[in-house]
């Protein structure tokens, strides 16, 4: 910073002009990004005089670097109906594809693409042109009950925590929720604050409360330009394998939901994404015994008045869990474990179950000898999804030919598919490197499945 501050103003102007000429076309609001970064670092040193606009941008640029979000790989997609279906021929459907983008240091973020499927088995990827944007953070408030569940999950269930939550509870007479927690902290009785453990408890509450985030993308950005970038400590080393689903509430309203795996370099934890339109996203931690492993996949509607999800309950099998609110998940019950030759080591889901007249069509991933990943299928009872009624006796999709090569070889893997016009459309990752798309008539797939009862 001292060196940048010492440069003559004329040289600063020339440097910044070159930066703007080179980088402004590559980024949304490039000047705003540099200004925000400059505001972070300027308080670090005494500034003798007011900075010129150009010098402020230069300081921001000194602490800014481009990152290739897909520099290493792009993989593990899921597919949902795109919110924009304009301009399509009859029989076509526009898809929103979520992507696991992997860059330098194996840091994963969530990217997007758009594709058009149909009429028939045709598929076309729409252009993926920049500039990319990570959006801007917007305020979001906790519900007291939801925050209480997450705090309890992290072992914070004591008198200090209860005093804070009581102040946040909007049902308390004369109370208004305070998302900053400052008023709630101030109202903790002094006797509690004098306890030796109180500062650590309050720091823990503030840290967990900060794990609820909302990001909004510019209204003029396209879906492929949006990148969900790690913003909380639990996902500091990556956001992995988002499983998107279009969830329909009992009143007919629909939104987009996804679970993904947050990784901090040591531990993993499932988190929930919600969005009304794939432009504004809220990300929050999940709680409960079933929300402690990778690979949760939400059902697209309530079943028997409850939220359901597939999960990996024991590290090698698929389980079924339930929730009253979609946030706190009960202990999982076993659903489908390794049994076939192609899933000897492990079995899990490949995204949310798909509702058909025959039952919930659920794609699975099986890990077999030589750590080969294949995609299979099971069918769950429509009214009692805890019961497997049929299974595909062989893999639906296996890595063959060039699909055996890649960043992680011998892997095909998906995080979510859908049915359109009688075809199951399956986007899938290949070797954790690139993405393919497969389709199969649903009636042929169902006919091939073997009853399990």
Protein backbone atom coordinates (compact mmCIF):
# COMPACT_ATOMS: atom_id res chain seq x y z
CA UNK A 1 0.00 0.00 0.00
CA UNK A 2 2.84 2.37 0.79
CA UNK A 3 4.31 1.77 -2.65
CA UNK A 4 0.98 2.35 -4.35
CA UNK A 5 0.45 5.56 -2.37
CA UNK A 6 3.90 6.84 -3.38
CA UNK A 7 3.31 6.61 -7.14
CA UNK A 8 2.90 9.92 -9.01
CA UNK A 9 -0.70 10.72 -9.90
CA UNK A 10 0.05 10.64 -13.62
CA UNK A 11 1.40 7.09 -13.36
CA UNK A 12 -1.63 6.09 -11.28
CA UNK A 13 -3.96 7.44 -13.97
CA UNK A 14 -2.11 5.49 -16.65
CA UNK A 15 -2.13 2.25 -14.64
CA UNK A 16 -5.84 2.48 -13.88
CA UNK A 17 -6.71 3.29 -17.49
CA UNK A 18 -4.93 0.11 -18.53
CA UNK A 19 -6.70 -1.94 -15.87
CA UNK A 20 -10.10 -0.65 -16.92
CA UNK A 21 -9.38 -1.27 -20.59
CA UNK A 22 -8.29 -4.86 -19.93
CA UNK A 23 -10.57 -6.04 -17.13
CA UNK A 24 -13.78 -3.98 -17.24
CA UNK A 25 -15.26 -5.98 -20.14
CA UNK A 26 -14.58 -9.22 -18.18
CA UNK A 27 -16.49 -8.36 -14.99
CA UNK A 28 -19.83 -7.07 -13.80
CA UNK A 29 -19.33 -3.69 -12.06
CA UNK A 30 -15.52 -3.88 -12.13
CA UNK A 31 -15.11 -0.37 -10.72
CA UNK A 32 -17.51 -1.17 -7.87
CA UNK A 33 -15.54 -4.33 -7.03
CA UNK A 34 -12.26 -2.40 -6.82
CA UNK A 35 -13.87 0.36 -4.76
CA UNK A 36 -15.26 -2.14 -2.25
CA UNK A 37 -11.90 -3.90 -1.94
CA UNK A 38 -10.15 -0.57 -1.45
CA UNK A 39 -12.56 0.30 1.35
CA UNK A 40 -11.52 -2.89 3.15
CA UNK A 41 -7.77 -2.21 3.05
CA UNK A 42 -7.55 1.59 3.33
CA UNK A 43 -8.06 1.60 7.13
CA UNK A 44 -4.88 -0.49 7.46
CA UNK A 45 -2.58 2.49 6.92
CA UNK A 46 -2.81 6.22 7.62
CA UNK A 47 -3.85 8.14 4.52
CA UNK A 48 -2.26 11.61 4.44
CA UNK A 49 -4.88 13.12 2.18
CA UNK A 50 -8.09 12.24 0.39
CA UNK A 51 -7.44 9.61 -2.24
CA UNK A 52 -8.19 10.38 -5.86
CA UNK A 53 -10.75 8.06 -7.50
CA UNK A 54 -8.00 6.53 -9.64
CA UNK A 55 -5.68 5.83 -6.68
CA UNK A 56 -8.53 4.24 -4.76
CA UNK A 57 -9.21 1.91 -7.70
CA UNK A 58 -5.49 1.10 -7.90
CA UNK A 59 -5.40 0.14 -4.23
CA UNK A 60 -8.41 -2.11 -4.77
CA UNK A 61 -6.72 -3.74 -7.77
CA UNK A 62 -3.59 -4.47 -5.73
CA UNK A 63 -5.72 -6.68 -3.49
CA UNK A 64 -7.84 -8.27 -6.21
CA UNK A 65 -7.17 -11.32 -8.39
CA UNK A 66 -9.16 -13.20 -10.98
CA UNK A 67 -10.09 -16.80 -10.20
CA UNK A 68 -10.98 -19.38 -12.86
CA UNK A 69 -13.96 -21.05 -11.22
CA UNK A 70 -13.81 -23.98 -13.67
CA UNK A 71 -10.02 -24.00 -14.02
CA UNK A 72 -9.74 -27.63 -12.88
CA UNK A 73 -13.11 -29.19 -13.70
CA UNK A 74 -16.84 -28.81 -14.09
CA UNK A 75 -18.95 -31.76 -13.01
CA UNK A 76 -21.88 -33.27 -11.05
CA UNK A 77 -24.87 -31.40 -12.53
CA UNK A 78 -28.50 -31.32 -11.52
CA UNK A 79 -31.40 -30.23 -13.72
CA UNK A 80 -34.66 -28.39 -13.04
CA UNK A 81 -37.17 -26.56 -15.18
CA UNK A 82 -35.82 -23.09 -16.00
CA UNK A 83 -38.00 -20.17 -14.78
CA UNK A 84 -37.86 -18.67 -18.32
CA UNK A 85 -39.56 -20.77 -20.99
CA UNK A 86 -39.95 -17.97 -23.58
CA UNK A 87 -39.11 -18.39 -27.24
CA UNK A 88 -39.18 -22.20 -27.41
CA UNK A 89 -40.82 -24.40 -30.04
CA UNK A 90 -43.60 -26.80 -29.11
CA UNK A 91 -42.26 -29.84 -27.28
CA UNK A 92 -39.10 -28.11 -26.04
CA UNK A 93 -38.16 -27.34 -22.43
CA UNK A 94 -35.45 -25.04 -21.13
CA UNK A 95 -33.43 -26.50 -18.26
CA UNK A 96 -31.50 -24.78 -15.51
CA UNK A 97 -28.40 -26.86 -14.81
CA UNK A 98 -26.43 -26.47 -11.61
CA UNK A 99 -22.74 -27.32 -11.89
CA UNK A 100 -19.98 -28.09 -9.45
CA UNK A 101 -17.22 -25.79 -10.64
CA UNK A 102 -13.73 -26.69 -9.40
CA UNK A 103 -10.85 -24.23 -9.56
CA UNK A 104 -7.33 -23.80 -8.27
CA UNK A 105 -6.74 -25.53 -4.95
CA UNK A 106 -9.72 -27.81 -5.57
CA UNK A 107 -12.05 -25.06 -4.37
CA UNK A 108 -15.63 -25.76 -5.47
CA UNK A 109 -18.36 -23.25 -6.14
CA UNK A 110 -21.83 -23.60 -7.66
CA UNK A 111 -22.19 -22.46 -11.25
CA UNK A 112 -25.03 -22.69 -13.74
CA UNK A 113 -25.82 -23.38 -17.35
CA UNK A 114 -28.96 -23.43 -19.47
CA UNK A 115 -29.93 -26.09 -21.99
CA UNK A 116 -32.93 -26.82 -24.19
CA UNK A 117 -34.24 -30.37 -24.51
CA UNK A 118 -36.76 -31.58 -27.06
CA UNK A 119 -38.65 -31.97 -29.19
CA UNK A 120 -37.73 -35.63 -28.99
CA UNK A 121 -34.23 -36.62 -27.87
CA UNK A 122 -32.57 -33.39 -29.06
CA UNK A 123 -30.49 -31.34 -26.59
CA UNK A 124 -28.77 -27.98 -27.04
CA UNK A 125 -26.57 -26.10 -24.56
CA UNK A 126 -27.28 -22.38 -24.61
CA UNK A 127 -24.29 -19.98 -24.82
CA UNK A 128 -22.25 -19.53 -21.64
CA UNK A 129 -20.82 -16.05 -22.00
CA UNK A 130 -19.42 -13.76 -19.32
CA UNK A 131 -18.91 -11.71 -17.40
CA UNK A 132 -19.42 -13.82 -14.28
CA UNK A 133 -20.78 -12.33 -11.07
CA UNK A 134 -20.93 -13.52 -7.48
CA UNK A 135 -23.80 -11.12 -6.68
CA UNK A 136 -24.12 -8.95 -3.59
CA UNK A 137 -25.11 -9.84 -0.03
CA UNK A 138 -28.52 -8.59 1.12
CA UNK A 139 -29.94 -8.55 4.67
CA UNK A 140 -31.72 -11.64 5.99
CA UNK A 141 -33.19 -12.39 9.41
CA UNK A 142 -33.34 -15.58 11.41
CA UNK A 143 -36.55 -16.99 12.78
CA UNK A 144 -35.99 -17.53 16.50
CA UNK A 145 -37.14 -21.18 16.43
CA UNK A 146 -34.88 -22.02 13.52
CA UNK A 147 -31.87 -20.34 15.12
CA UNK A 148 -32.60 -22.21 18.37
CA UNK A 149 -32.50 -25.56 16.53
CA UNK A 150 -29.17 -24.78 14.85
CA UNK A 151 -27.61 -23.51 18.08
CA UNK A 152 -28.73 -26.67 19.88
CA UNK A 153 -27.17 -28.72 17.08
CA UNK A 154 -23.86 -27.02 17.89
CA UNK A 155 -24.15 -27.66 21.63
CA UNK A 156 -25.31 -24.15 22.56
CA UNK A 157 -28.27 -24.84 24.84
CA UNK A 158 -27.54 -22.98 28.07
CA UNK A 159 -28.85 -20.05 30.09
CA UNK A 160 -26.92 -17.43 28.09
CA UNK A 161 -28.18 -18.81 24.77
CA UNK A 162 -31.76 -18.98 26.05
CA UNK A 163 -31.58 -15.35 27.21
CA UNK A 164 -30.46 -14.24 23.75
CA UNK A 165 -33.16 -16.29 22.02
CA UNK A 166 -35.83 -14.93 24.34
CA UNK A 167 -34.94 -11.40 23.26
CA UNK A 168 -35.14 -12.44 19.60
CA UNK A 169 -38.55 -14.11 19.97
CA UNK A 170 -41.12 -11.88 18.19
CA UNK A 171 -43.90 -13.37 20.36
CA UNK A 172 -42.48 -11.60 23.42
CA UNK A 173 -44.62 -8.52 24.21
CA UNK A 174 -43.03 -5.37 22.83
CA UNK A 175 -40.30 -7.34 21.07
CA UNK A 176 -39.04 -6.91 17.53
CA UNK A 177 -36.49 -9.27 15.92
CA UNK A 178 -32.98 -7.80 15.75
CA UNK A 179 -30.87 -9.49 13.04
CA UNK A 180 -27.68 -7.87 14.40
CA UNK A 181 -28.14 -9.61 17.76
CA UNK A 182 -26.79 -6.43 19.39
CA UNK A 183 -29.97 -5.64 21.33
CA UNK A 184 -30.43 -9.30 22.28
CA UNK A 185 -26.88 -9.42 23.62
CA UNK A 186 -27.41 -6.19 25.53
CA UNK A 187 -30.50 -7.61 27.22
CA UNK A 188 -28.70 -10.66 28.64
CA UNK A 189 -28.87 -10.34 32.45
CA UNK A 190 -25.57 -9.05 33.92
CA UNK A 191 -25.29 -12.06 36.24
CA UNK A 192 -25.14 -14.33 33.19
CA UNK A 193 -22.57 -12.13 31.45
CA UNK A 194 -20.26 -12.43 34.45
CA UNK A 195 -19.96 -16.18 33.96
CA UNK A 196 -16.49 -17.14 32.62
CA UNK A 197 -17.94 -19.02 29.67
CA UNK A 198 -20.29 -16.20 28.58
CA UNK A 199 -17.91 -14.45 26.10
CA UNK A 200 -17.25 -17.74 24.29
CA UNK A 201 -20.96 -18.56 24.16
CA UNK A 202 -21.82 -15.14 22.71
CA UNK A 203 -19.04 -15.48 20.14
CA UNK A 204 -20.42 -18.88 19.16
CA UNK A 205 -23.93 -17.50 18.78
CA UNK A 206 -22.71 -14.64 16.61
CA UNK A 207 -20.68 -17.02 14.43
CA UNK A 208 -23.61 -19.36 13.86
CA UNK A 209 -26.06 -16.50 13.31
CA UNK A 210 -23.72 -15.25 10.59
CA UNK A 211 -24.09 -18.54 8.72
CA UNK A 212 -27.46 -17.44 7.32
CA UNK A 213 -26.75 -15.57 4.10
CA UNK A 214 -28.66 -14.17 1.15
CA UNK A 215 -27.16 -13.12 -2.17
CA UNK A 216 -28.87 -11.29 -5.02
CA UNK A 217 -27.62 -11.25 -8.60
CA UNK A 218 -28.12 -8.33 -10.99
CA UNK A 219 -31.47 -8.47 -12.74
CA UNK A 220 -29.74 -8.11 -16.11
CA UNK A 221 -27.43 -11.09 -15.50
CA UNK A 222 -28.17 -14.41 -17.16
CA UNK A 223 -28.22 -17.69 -15.25
CA UNK A 224 -24.86 -18.93 -16.67
CA UNK A 225 -23.22 -15.70 -15.45
CA UNK A 226 -24.13 -16.37 -11.79
CA UNK A 227 -21.73 -18.10 -9.41
CA UNK A 228 -22.56 -19.00 -5.82
CA UNK A 229 -19.23 -18.44 -4.09
CA UNK A 230 -18.27 -19.62 -0.57
CA UNK A 231 -19.12 -16.89 1.96
CA UNK A 232 -19.31 -18.59 5.39
CA UNK A 233 -16.64 -20.41 7.36
CA UNK A 234 -18.25 -23.84 7.06
CA UNK A 235 -17.88 -23.72 3.26
CA UNK A 236 -14.51 -21.93 3.11
CA UNK A 237 -12.97 -24.86 1.22
CA UNK A 238 -15.86 -25.42 -1.10
CA UNK A 239 -19.55 -25.82 -1.93
CA UNK A 240 -20.02 -29.26 -3.41
CA UNK A 241 -22.67 -31.22 -5.33
CA UNK A 242 -25.82 -29.09 -5.19
CA UNK A 243 -28.95 -31.19 -5.68
CA UNK A 244 -31.61 -28.82 -7.01
CA UNK A 245 -35.32 -29.55 -7.10
CA UNK A 246 -38.39 -27.49 -7.93
CA UNK A 247 -40.48 -27.78 -4.77
CA UNK A 248 -44.26 -27.36 -4.95
CA UNK A 249 -46.09 -26.39 -1.75
CA UNK A 250 -49.60 -27.66 -0.89
CA UNK A 251 -51.09 -24.34 -2.09
CA UNK A 252 -49.50 -24.80 -5.52
CA UNK A 253 -46.73 -22.23 -5.17
CA UNK A 254 -43.28 -23.38 -6.22
CA UNK A 255 -39.71 -22.41 -5.51
CA UNK A 256 -36.25 -23.85 -6.06
CA UNK A 257 -34.44 -25.72 -3.30
CA UNK A 258 -31.13 -27.50 -3.10
CA UNK A 259 -28.97 -29.18 -0.56
CA UNK A 260 -25.21 -28.99 -0.95
CA UNK A 261 -22.15 -30.07 1.01
CA UNK A 262 -20.18 -27.33 2.76
CA UNK A 263 -16.51 -28.15 3.38
CA UNK A 264 -14.20 -26.13 5.62
CA UNK A 265 -11.06 -28.13 4.97
CA UNK A 266 -11.71 -30.57 7.80
CA UNK A 267 -15.42 -31.13 8.33
CA UNK A 268 -18.45 -31.40 6.05
CA UNK A 269 -21.97 -30.19 6.73
CA UNK A 270 -25.12 -30.10 4.59
CA UNK A 271 -26.63 -26.70 3.86
CA UNK A 272 -29.88 -25.60 2.22
CA UNK A 273 -30.31 -23.22 -0.70
CA UNK A 274 -33.69 -21.68 -1.45
CA UNK A 275 -34.63 -19.35 -4.28
CA UNK A 276 -37.90 -18.10 -5.77
CA UNK A 277 -36.35 -17.41 -9.18
CA UNK A 278 -32.69 -18.57 -9.36
CA UNK A 279 -31.63 -14.92 -9.01
CA UNK A 280 -31.93 -14.38 -5.25
CA UNK A 281 -30.57 -17.23 -3.11
CA UNK A 282 -30.71 -17.83 0.64
CA UNK A 283 -28.27 -20.30 2.14
CA UNK A 284 -28.63 -21.70 5.65
CA UNK A 285 -27.40 -24.59 7.79
CA UNK A 286 -29.56 -27.66 8.33
CA UNK A 287 -30.03 -29.32 11.70
CA UNK A 288 -31.00 -32.68 13.15
CA UNK A 289 -29.49 -36.18 13.26
CA UNK A 290 -29.91 -36.80 9.51
CA UNK A 291 -28.18 -33.53 8.54
CA UNK A 292 -24.66 -34.69 9.28
CA UNK A 293 -23.48 -36.38 6.12
CA UNK A 294 -23.16 -35.75 2.40
CA UNK A 295 -25.76 -36.25 -0.26
CA UNK A 296 -29.16 -35.13 1.05
CA UNK A 297 -31.81 -34.96 -1.69
CA UNK A 298 -35.20 -33.33 -1.08
CA UNK A 299 -38.53 -34.69 -2.30
CA UNK A 300 -40.32 -32.23 -4.64
CA UNK A 301 -43.43 -32.00 -2.45
CA UNK A 302 -44.77 -32.94 0.95
CA UNK A 303 -45.63 -36.59 1.45
CA UNK A 304 -48.19 -37.33 4.15
CA UNK A 305 -47.95 -33.71 5.25
CA UNK A 306 -44.19 -33.90 5.92
CA UNK A 307 -40.96 -32.94 4.21
CA UNK A 308 -38.94 -35.98 3.12
CA UNK A 309 -35.36 -36.35 1.98
CA UNK A 310 -32.95 -39.07 0.98
CA UNK A 311 -29.68 -39.08 2.88
CA UNK A 312 -26.58 -41.14 3.54
CA UNK A 313 -27.22 -42.33 7.05
CA UNK A 314 -24.22 -44.61 7.61
CA UNK A 315 -21.69 -43.62 4.97
CA UNK A 316 -22.50 -46.49 2.62
CA UNK A 317 -26.31 -46.75 2.34
CA UNK A 318 -29.26 -44.61 1.35
CA UNK A 319 -31.65 -43.61 4.13
CA UNK A 320 -34.95 -41.75 4.35
CA UNK A 321 -35.48 -38.86 6.75
CA UNK A 322 -38.44 -36.61 7.57
CA UNK A 323 -38.94 -33.09 8.87
CA UNK A 324 -41.87 -30.98 9.96
CA UNK A 325 -40.39 -27.72 8.69
CA UNK A 326 -37.73 -28.75 6.15
CA UNK A 327 -34.97 -27.44 8.44
CA UNK A 328 -34.58 -29.93 11.32
CA UNK A 329 -34.29 -33.53 10.15
CA UNK A 330 -35.12 -36.65 12.15
CA UNK A 331 -32.91 -39.75 12.39
CA UNK A 332 -32.84 -41.59 9.08
CA UNK A 333 -34.24 -45.05 8.60
CA UNK A 334 -32.47 -47.46 6.20
CA UNK A 335 -33.85 -47.56 2.69
CA UNK A 336 -31.39 -49.11 0.23
CA UNK A 337 -27.97 -50.59 0.96
CA UNK A 338 -25.21 -52.14 -1.16
CA UNK A 339 -26.29 -55.44 -2.62
CA UNK A 340 -25.61 -55.62 -6.37
CA UNK A 341 -22.17 -56.24 -7.87
CA UNK A 342 -21.89 -52.65 -9.14
CA UNK A 343 -22.53 -51.20 -5.64
CA UNK A 344 -20.49 -53.49 -3.41
CA UNK A 345 -18.72 -50.65 -1.60
CA UNK A 346 -21.33 -47.92 -1.33
CA UNK A 347 -24.66 -46.71 -2.63
CA UNK A 348 -26.28 -43.27 -2.51
CA UNK A 349 -28.71 -41.09 -4.41
CA UNK A 350 -28.21 -39.19 -7.66
CA UNK A 351 -30.63 -36.41 -6.79
CA UNK A 352 -34.24 -35.92 -5.78
CA UNK A 353 -36.86 -38.64 -6.42
CA UNK A 354 -39.05 -38.05 -9.48
CA UNK A 355 -42.78 -38.65 -9.15
CA UNK A 356 -44.34 -41.06 -11.64
CA UNK A 357 -47.64 -42.93 -11.64
CA UNK A 358 -45.70 -46.11 -10.79
CA UNK A 359 -43.86 -44.58 -7.81
CA UNK A 360 -40.94 -42.34 -6.93
CA UNK A 361 -38.25 -42.99 -9.55
CA UNK A 362 -34.93 -42.58 -7.73
CA UNK A 363 -31.57 -42.66 -9.45
CA UNK A 364 -28.71 -44.01 -7.37
CA UNK A 365 -24.94 -44.05 -7.55
CA UNK A 366 -23.14 -47.26 -6.79
CA UNK A 367 -19.44 -47.67 -6.05
CA UNK A 368 -17.99 -51.00 -7.07
CA UNK A 369 -14.58 -52.62 -7.51
CA UNK A 370 -11.75 -50.29 -8.58
CA UNK A 371 -13.82 -47.40 -7.20
CA UNK A 372 -15.97 -47.40 -10.31
CA UNK A 373 -19.05 -45.18 -10.01
CA UNK A 374 -22.17 -46.17 -11.94
CA UNK A 375 -25.74 -44.88 -11.96
CA UNK A 376 -28.61 -47.22 -11.10
CA UNK A 377 -32.31 -46.84 -10.29
CA UNK A 378 -34.83 -47.90 -7.68
CA UNK A 379 -38.56 -47.27 -7.39
CA UNK A 380 -40.16 -46.16 -4.11
CA UNK A 381 -43.79 -46.61 -3.14
CA UNK A 382 -45.72 -43.44 -3.95
CA UNK A 383 -47.56 -43.24 -0.61
CA UNK A 384 -44.89 -44.91 1.53
CA UNK A 385 -41.49 -43.89 0.12
CA UNK A 386 -39.79 -45.87 2.87
CA UNK A 387 -40.57 -49.00 0.85
CA UNK A 388 -38.52 -49.95 -2.23
CA UNK A 389 -40.87 -51.68 -4.69
CA UNK A 390 -38.54 -52.28 -7.64
CA UNK A 391 -34.89 -51.93 -8.68
CA UNK A 392 -32.93 -51.93 -11.91
CA UNK A 393 -30.85 -55.14 -11.93
CA UNK A 394 -27.92 -53.54 -13.77
CA UNK A 395 -26.49 -50.02 -14.06
CA UNK A 396 -28.47 -47.53 -16.07
CA UNK A 397 -25.23 -45.75 -16.96
CA UNK A 398 -21.61 -46.86 -16.55
CA UNK A 399 -18.32 -45.22 -17.59
CA UNK A 400 -17.20 -46.60 -20.95
CA UNK A 401 -14.51 -45.63 -23.44
CA UNK A 402 -13.33 -42.05 -22.95
CA UNK A 403 -15.65 -41.73 -19.95
CA UNK A 404 -13.22 -43.84 -17.95
CA UNK A 405 -10.66 -41.00 -18.11
CA UNK A 406 -10.67 -37.74 -16.19
CA UNK A 407 -9.66 -35.85 -13.07
CA UNK A 408 -11.19 -38.71 -11.04
CA UNK A 409 -11.32 -41.68 -13.48
CA UNK A 410 -14.06 -44.31 -13.79
CA UNK A 411 -16.85 -42.06 -12.52
CA UNK A 412 -20.28 -41.12 -13.85
CA UNK A 413 -22.36 -39.18 -11.34
CA UNK A 414 -25.45 -37.00 -11.30
CA UNK A 415 -27.07 -34.69 -8.76
CA UNK A 416 -30.53 -34.53 -10.32
CA UNK A 417 -32.58 -35.40 -13.40
CA UNK A 418 -36.13 -34.84 -14.66
CA UNK A 419 -38.80 -36.23 -16.94
CA UNK A 420 -39.99 -34.38 -20.04
CA UNK A 421 -42.27 -35.67 -22.77
CA UNK A 422 -41.89 -39.31 -21.74
CA UNK A 423 -38.08 -39.20 -21.53
CA UNK A 424 -35.89 -39.26 -18.45
CA UNK A 425 -33.20 -36.63 -18.99
CA UNK A 426 -30.03 -37.34 -17.04
CA UNK A 427 -27.19 -34.80 -16.92
CA UNK A 428 -24.11 -36.46 -15.50
CA UNK A 429 -20.51 -35.73 -14.57
CA UNK A 430 -17.77 -37.66 -16.34
CA UNK A 431 -14.58 -38.35 -14.41
CA UNK A 432 -15.15 -35.22 -12.31
CA UNK A 433 -13.97 -33.32 -15.39
CA UNK A 434 -16.81 -32.61 -17.80
CA UNK A 435 -20.54 -33.16 -18.27
CA UNK A 436 -22.69 -35.29 -20.56
CA UNK A 437 -26.43 -35.69 -21.11
CA UNK A 438 -28.31 -38.95 -21.53
CA UNK A 439 -31.97 -39.74 -22.11
CA UNK A 440 -34.09 -42.88 -21.96
CA UNK A 441 -37.83 -43.53 -22.37
CA UNK A 442 -39.35 -43.71 -18.90
CA UNK A 443 -41.68 -46.60 -19.76
CA UNK A 444 -38.74 -48.72 -20.98
CA UNK A 445 -36.83 -48.01 -17.77
CA UNK A 446 -39.78 -48.87 -15.54
CA UNK A 447 -40.47 -52.07 -17.49
CA UNK A 448 -36.85 -53.16 -17.02
CA UNK A 449 -37.01 -52.78 -13.24
CA UNK A 450 -37.53 -55.89 -11.12
CA UNK A 451 -39.98 -55.98 -8.19
CA UNK A 452 -38.22 -56.31 -4.85
CA UNK A 453 -41.12 -57.67 -2.82
